Amino acid sequence: MREFIFGTDWWSDCDDAVAARLLVRAHASGEIKLLGAVINATKEDSVASLDGFLSEEGLVGLPIGIDREATDYSRPGSYQARLVKYAKTYKSNEDAEDGVRLYRRLLSEASDKVELVEVGFFQVVAALIESEPDDISPLSGIELMKQKVSKIWAMAGRWDRKFGHENNFDRGPRSRAAAAVFCEKCPVPVTFLGFEIGFDVISGSKLSKDDILFGVLADHGSAGGRSSWDPMTALMAVVGDEEKAGYTTVRGQAFADADTGTNIFEKCDTGPHLYVKRAFPPEYYASEIDKRIN
C-alpha cells in the first residue's frame, strides 16, 4: 500500500481541510496509508484543531508535527476554534513533535518508500532536505529522502507565465528562502500543481450543513464552496498518475528566487520536476473532489 505524509499550513484558507478529508477518506478505504501530518504555519490552536478535525473524521492519534517558529505568517486562522473541542490526542502545539524530527522519524521507520503531499509552505521540507544525521537516523536529509521518498506532490508556484508569483512560494522571507532551497536541492521527483490550476475549480458546494467540513468552509466565508488548489493536489496524489487524474504535464527544472519569491521553469526532457495543465473543464475536477468528500 502506498504511504503518505501530509504537509499543510492549516492556517487561514479552508482548502487544506478539504484536502485532509480527501486523504483521510482514501486512508479509510485502503487506497493509501496516511502516516502523519506536519503543520508549517503556526497559530495558537494549530495542532489541537487539526487533531480535532482528524478525530472527527475517524482518524484518531495520527502523528502530528509542527514548526513552532513559523509564527510570522500573517492572517488569523478562520476555522480552528470550532475544531479544538474535538481534539483527542493533542491539546496544544507543545504536545506535537518538531516537524523535521517527525519527517525524519516517519521516513526512518517506513518499510518502503513514502510519498509527500505538500500543500503549504516549504520551510519544514527545506529543513528536512538540509538536516544532518541525528539520533533518529545516521543519514543526512538528502540521503534519507533518496532512500525513503519516492515522490512529492506539491501545491505551489504559478506556471502559466514566465515569471510566476504564488502564496506558498512568496508569502514572505521564510517561504521565499524555503522555496529556493526546495527547488534547487530536493533529491526526489516533484510534481507541481500551480495557482492557475485550482483557482476556478470550486469544490465543497454540496456539503450538508451539519457536516463539520461545511462548518470549516463557512467559517472561512466559503459556504458555497472554495477554490480547490489543495484538494486537487491531494486527489492527484491519491490517483498516483497525473494523466489518469486528468492532466497533461511539462517536464523540466523549477526555480524560485529567494529574494523575490518569483518562480520560473526551464523545460528539459530529463528534468526532475513536472507541472500540470488541466485536460478537462473546471467542473470535471470539482465533481471528482465532491464525490470523495460528500
Protein backbone atom coordinates (compact mmCIF):
# COMPACT_ATOMS: atom_id res chain seq x y z
CA MET A 1 0.00 0.00 0.00
CA ARG A 2 1.26 3.48 -0.86
CA GLU A 3 2.15 5.54 2.21
CA PHE A 4 1.81 9.30 2.58
CA ILE A 5 2.81 12.20 4.83
CA PHE A 6 0.68 15.34 4.60
CA GLY A 7 2.32 18.77 4.87
CA THR A 8 -0.16 21.61 5.44
CA ASP A 9 -0.20 25.22 6.59
CA TRP A 10 -3.61 24.53 8.29
CA TRP A 11 -3.84 28.27 8.55
CA SER A 12 -6.23 30.80 7.03
CA ASP A 13 -7.60 29.08 3.94
CA CYS A 14 -10.01 26.17 4.16
CA ASP A 15 -8.96 24.11 1.15
CA ASP A 16 -6.42 22.38 3.42
CA ALA A 17 -9.36 20.84 5.30
CA VAL A 18 -10.94 19.64 2.07
CA ALA A 19 -7.62 18.03 1.14
CA ALA A 20 -7.37 16.49 4.62
CA ARG A 21 -10.80 14.90 4.32
CA LEU A 22 -9.95 13.53 0.91
CA LEU A 23 -6.75 11.95 2.23
CA VAL A 24 -8.45 10.55 5.33
CA ARG A 25 -11.21 9.03 3.22
CA ALA A 26 -8.59 7.44 0.95
CA HIS A 27 -6.85 6.11 4.07
CA ALA A 28 -10.10 4.67 5.42
CA SER A 29 -10.91 2.97 2.11
CA GLY A 30 -7.48 1.34 1.93
CA GLU A 31 -6.27 3.27 -1.11
CA ILE A 32 -3.39 4.77 0.85
CA LYS A 33 -1.94 4.74 4.34
CA LEU A 34 -1.54 8.14 5.97
CA LEU A 35 1.50 8.09 8.26
CA GLY A 36 1.38 11.60 9.71
CA ALA A 37 0.82 15.30 9.16
CA VAL A 38 3.17 18.27 9.57
CA ILE A 39 1.92 21.84 10.09
CA ASN A 40 4.10 24.58 8.63
CA ALA A 41 2.30 27.79 9.74
CA THR A 42 1.77 28.15 13.46
CA LYS A 43 -1.30 29.55 15.19
CA GLU A 44 -2.32 29.04 18.82
CA ASP A 45 -4.74 26.21 18.06
CA SER A 46 -2.95 24.66 15.09
CA VAL A 47 -2.22 21.19 16.42
CA ALA A 48 -5.32 20.75 18.57
CA SER A 49 -7.61 21.85 15.75
CA LEU A 50 -6.02 19.51 13.22
CA ASP A 51 -6.20 16.68 15.72
CA GLY A 52 -9.85 17.56 16.35
CA PHE A 53 -10.68 17.51 12.66
CA LEU A 54 -8.87 14.23 12.06
CA SER A 55 -10.51 12.69 15.12
CA GLU A 56 -13.97 13.69 13.92
CA GLU A 57 -13.09 12.19 10.56
CA GLY A 58 -12.37 8.89 12.32
CA LEU A 59 -8.57 9.05 12.31
CA VAL A 60 -7.60 9.34 15.97
CA GLY A 61 -3.97 9.57 17.03
CA LEU A 62 -2.33 10.36 13.71
CA PRO A 63 1.18 11.68 14.47
CA ILE A 64 1.32 15.46 14.04
CA GLY A 65 4.45 17.61 13.79
CA ILE A 66 4.79 21.37 13.68
CA ASP A 67 7.26 24.16 13.00
CA ARG A 68 6.84 26.16 16.23
CA GLU A 69 8.90 29.03 14.84
CA ALA A 70 6.56 29.64 11.91
CA THR A 71 4.55 32.34 13.68
CA ASP A 72 5.40 35.06 11.17
CA TYR A 73 2.80 34.15 8.54
CA SER A 74 0.16 36.88 8.74
CA ARG A 75 -3.62 36.45 8.72
CA PRO A 76 -5.64 34.96 11.56
CA GLY A 77 -6.91 31.39 11.45
CA SER A 78 -10.51 31.22 10.31
CA TYR A 79 -11.83 27.84 11.40
CA GLN A 80 -9.50 26.37 14.02
CA ALA A 81 -11.51 27.47 17.07
CA ARG A 82 -14.52 25.32 16.19
CA LEU A 83 -12.35 22.18 15.94
CA VAL A 84 -10.36 22.31 19.19
CA LYS A 85 -13.16 20.76 21.27
CA TYR A 86 -12.88 17.55 19.24
CA ALA A 87 -9.17 17.02 19.93
CA LYS A 88 -8.36 13.59 21.36
CA THR A 89 -4.58 13.25 21.36
CA TYR A 90 -3.05 16.73 21.14
CA LYS A 91 -4.27 19.57 23.34
CA SER A 92 -1.65 22.18 22.38
CA ASN A 93 1.17 22.85 19.95
CA GLU A 94 3.63 21.79 22.63
CA ASP A 95 2.23 18.25 22.52
CA ALA A 96 3.39 17.82 18.91
CA GLU A 97 6.79 16.70 17.71
CA ASP A 98 9.08 19.11 15.88
CA GLY A 99 8.17 18.91 12.21
CA VAL A 100 11.60 17.98 10.88
CA ARG A 101 12.04 15.30 13.53
CA LEU A 102 8.65 13.82 12.68
CA TYR A 103 9.53 13.67 8.99
CA ARG A 104 12.85 12.04 9.81
CA ARG A 105 11.26 9.57 12.23
CA LEU A 106 8.40 8.55 9.95
CA LEU A 107 10.73 8.15 6.99
CA SER A 108 13.27 6.19 9.00
CA GLU A 109 10.58 3.85 10.31
CA ALA A 110 8.90 3.32 6.93
CA SER A 111 9.44 -0.12 5.45
CA ASP A 112 9.04 1.16 1.89
CA LYS A 113 9.22 4.47 0.07
CA VAL A 114 6.81 7.22 1.09
CA GLU A 115 5.11 9.98 -0.91
CA LEU A 116 4.78 13.53 0.44
CA VAL A 117 1.73 15.70 -0.24
CA GLU A 118 2.78 19.30 0.40
CA VAL A 119 0.08 21.97 0.25
CA GLY A 120 1.55 24.67 2.48
CA PHE A 121 4.84 26.48 2.96
CA PHE A 122 8.13 24.70 2.37
CA GLN A 123 10.42 25.62 5.25
CA VAL A 124 9.96 22.30 7.08
CA VAL A 125 10.69 20.21 4.00
CA ALA A 126 13.60 22.50 3.15
CA ALA A 127 14.95 21.97 6.67
CA LEU A 128 14.46 18.22 6.21
CA ILE A 129 16.48 18.36 2.99
CA GLU A 130 19.29 20.20 4.78
CA SER A 131 19.12 18.18 8.01
CA GLU A 132 22.17 16.40 9.38
CA PRO A 133 22.43 12.88 10.81
CA ASP A 134 20.97 12.65 14.31
CA ASP A 135 19.74 10.21 16.94
CA ILE A 136 16.90 9.17 14.63
CA SER A 137 18.96 8.28 11.57
CA PRO A 138 22.65 8.26 10.59
CA LEU A 139 21.60 9.60 7.18
CA SER A 140 21.56 13.22 6.11
CA GLY A 141 18.24 14.63 4.96
CA ILE A 142 19.16 14.24 1.30
CA GLU A 143 20.31 10.66 1.86
CA LEU A 144 17.19 9.82 3.85
CA MET A 145 14.89 11.28 1.22
CA LYS A 146 16.67 9.46 -1.60
CA GLN A 147 16.25 6.23 0.32
CA LYS A 148 12.69 6.70 1.63
CA VAL A 149 10.78 9.22 -0.53
CA SER A 150 9.57 8.24 -4.00
CA LYS A 151 7.81 11.47 -4.98
CA ILE A 152 6.49 14.81 -3.76
CA TRP A 153 3.13 16.20 -4.87
CA ALA A 154 3.23 19.95 -4.25
CA MET A 155 0.71 22.77 -4.48
CA ALA A 156 3.00 25.68 -5.28
CA GLY A 157 4.03 28.15 -7.91
CA ARG A 158 2.34 29.71 -10.88
CA TRP A 159 3.43 28.13 -14.12
CA ASP A 160 1.25 29.76 -16.81
CA ARG A 161 3.62 32.70 -17.13
CA LYS A 162 7.38 33.09 -17.39
CA PHE A 163 7.75 34.78 -14.00
CA GLY A 164 5.16 33.49 -11.56
CA HIS A 165 4.19 34.53 -8.06
CA GLU A 166 2.15 32.32 -5.72
CA ASN A 167 1.45 32.35 -1.99
CA ASN A 168 3.22 29.15 -0.90
CA PHE A 169 6.45 30.31 -2.53
CA ASP A 170 6.05 34.04 -1.96
CA ARG A 171 4.33 34.70 1.37
CA GLY A 172 7.38 36.28 3.00
CA PRO A 173 11.11 35.90 3.61
CA ARG A 174 10.70 32.46 5.22
CA SER A 175 8.64 30.99 2.40
CA ARG A 176 10.84 32.51 -0.32
CA ALA A 177 14.06 31.13 1.15
CA ALA A 178 12.48 27.72 1.66
CA ALA A 179 11.10 27.62 -1.88
CA ALA A 180 14.56 28.32 -3.30
CA VAL A 181 16.11 25.51 -1.26
CA PHE A 182 13.31 23.10 -2.13
CA CYS A 183 13.51 23.69 -5.88
CA GLU A 184 17.30 23.62 -6.01
CA LYS A 185 18.11 20.78 -3.62
CA CYS A 186 15.14 18.39 -3.41
CA PRO A 187 16.63 14.99 -4.33
CA VAL A 188 13.39 13.29 -5.45
CA PRO A 189 10.88 13.91 -8.27
CA VAL A 190 8.30 16.66 -7.72
CA THR A 191 5.00 17.36 -9.47
CA PHE A 192 3.70 20.89 -9.00
CA LEU A 193 0.07 21.96 -9.23
CA GLY A 194 0.08 25.72 -9.64
CA PHE A 195 -2.23 28.55 -8.69
CA GLU A 196 -3.65 28.74 -12.20
CA ILE A 197 -4.94 25.16 -11.99
CA GLY A 198 -7.18 25.40 -8.95
CA PHE A 199 -8.48 28.94 -8.55
CA ASP A 200 -11.65 28.46 -10.63
CA VAL A 201 -12.36 24.86 -9.58
CA ILE A 202 -14.94 25.25 -6.79
CA SER A 203 -15.47 22.20 -4.60
CA GLY A 204 -17.39 21.68 -1.36
CA SER A 205 -20.60 23.32 -2.54
CA LYS A 206 -22.69 20.19 -1.96
CA LEU A 207 -21.80 19.54 1.70
CA SER A 208 -24.59 19.10 4.22
CA LYS A 209 -24.95 21.99 6.66
CA ASP A 210 -24.45 19.60 9.58
CA ASP A 211 -21.13 18.39 8.16
CA ILE A 212 -18.10 19.56 10.15
CA LEU A 213 -16.33 20.36 6.87
CA PHE A 214 -19.22 22.65 5.89
CA GLY A 215 -18.62 24.49 9.18
CA VAL A 216 -14.96 24.90 8.31
CA LEU A 217 -15.79 26.34 4.89
CA ALA A 218 -18.49 28.60 6.35
CA ASP A 219 -16.06 29.96 8.96
CA HIS A 220 -13.77 30.91 6.10
CA GLY A 221 -16.60 32.63 4.26
CA SER A 222 -16.83 29.86 1.65
CA ALA A 223 -20.11 28.15 2.49
CA GLY A 224 -20.80 27.86 -1.22
CA GLY A 225 -17.50 26.10 -1.92
CA ARG A 226 -13.87 27.09 -2.26
CA SER A 227 -11.08 27.11 -4.83
CA SER A 228 -9.54 23.66 -4.97
CA TRP A 229 -5.76 24.01 -5.06
CA ASP A 230 -5.08 21.68 -2.13
CA PRO A 231 -7.74 19.01 -2.75
CA MET A 232 -6.76 18.83 -6.42
CA THR A 233 -3.18 18.17 -5.34
CA ALA A 234 -4.29 15.57 -2.80
CA LEU A 235 -6.53 13.80 -5.30
CA MET A 236 -3.80 13.75 -7.94
CA ALA A 237 -1.50 12.18 -5.35
CA VAL A 238 -4.07 9.54 -4.37
CA VAL A 239 -4.66 8.64 -8.02
CA GLY A 240 -0.88 8.47 -8.33
CA ASP A 241 -0.71 9.36 -12.01
CA GLU A 242 -1.01 12.83 -13.48
CA GLU A 243 -2.62 11.71 -16.75
CA LYS A 244 -5.14 9.43 -15.04
CA ALA A 245 -6.02 12.31 -12.72
CA GLY A 246 -6.87 14.49 -15.72
CA TYR A 247 -3.71 16.45 -16.50
CA THR A 248 -1.01 16.88 -19.07
CA THR A 249 2.50 17.61 -17.84
CA VAL A 250 5.52 19.74 -18.66
CA ARG A 251 8.92 18.43 -17.57
CA GLY A 252 11.97 20.42 -16.55
CA GLN A 253 13.52 22.23 -13.60
CA ALA A 254 11.67 24.64 -11.34
CA PHE A 255 13.44 27.54 -9.64
CA ALA A 256 12.32 30.03 -7.02
CA ASP A 257 14.07 33.28 -6.19
CA ALA A 258 14.97 33.51 -2.51
CA ASP A 259 14.65 37.30 -2.51
CA THR A 260 11.53 37.89 -4.59
CA GLY A 261 9.66 34.58 -4.47
CA THR A 262 9.42 34.57 -8.25
CA ASN A 263 9.19 31.11 -9.78
CA ILE A 264 10.39 30.14 -13.24
CA PHE A 265 10.53 26.85 -15.11
CA GLU A 266 13.16 25.67 -17.56
CA LYS A 267 11.86 22.90 -19.81
CA CYS A 268 14.09 19.85 -20.08
CA ASP A 269 13.29 16.28 -21.11
CA THR A 270 15.37 14.89 -18.24
CA GLY A 271 14.39 17.40 -15.54
CA PRO A 272 13.28 16.23 -12.07
CA HIS A 273 10.15 18.39 -11.97
CA LEU A 274 6.76 18.39 -13.62
CA TYR A 275 3.99 20.94 -13.57
CA VAL A 276 0.48 20.08 -14.65
CA LYS A 277 -2.04 21.55 -17.05
CA ARG A 278 -5.74 20.73 -16.94
CA ALA A 279 -7.03 18.40 -19.63
CA PHE A 280 -10.71 18.94 -18.76
CA PRO A 281 -13.03 21.80 -17.79
CA PRO A 282 -13.06 23.00 -14.16
CA GLU A 283 -16.33 21.21 -13.44
CA TYR A 284 -14.69 17.82 -14.00
CA TYR A 285 -12.24 18.27 -11.14
CA ALA A 286 -14.83 19.79 -8.81
CA SER A 287 -17.07 16.79 -9.41
CA GLU A 288 -14.25 14.31 -8.74
CA ILE A 289 -13.42 16.02 -5.45
CA ASP A 290 -17.05 16.33 -4.37
CA LYS A 291 -17.57 12.61 -4.94
CA ARG A 292 -14.85 11.95 -2.40
CA ILE A 293 -15.77 14.43 0.31
CA ASN A 294 -19.58 14.07 0.48
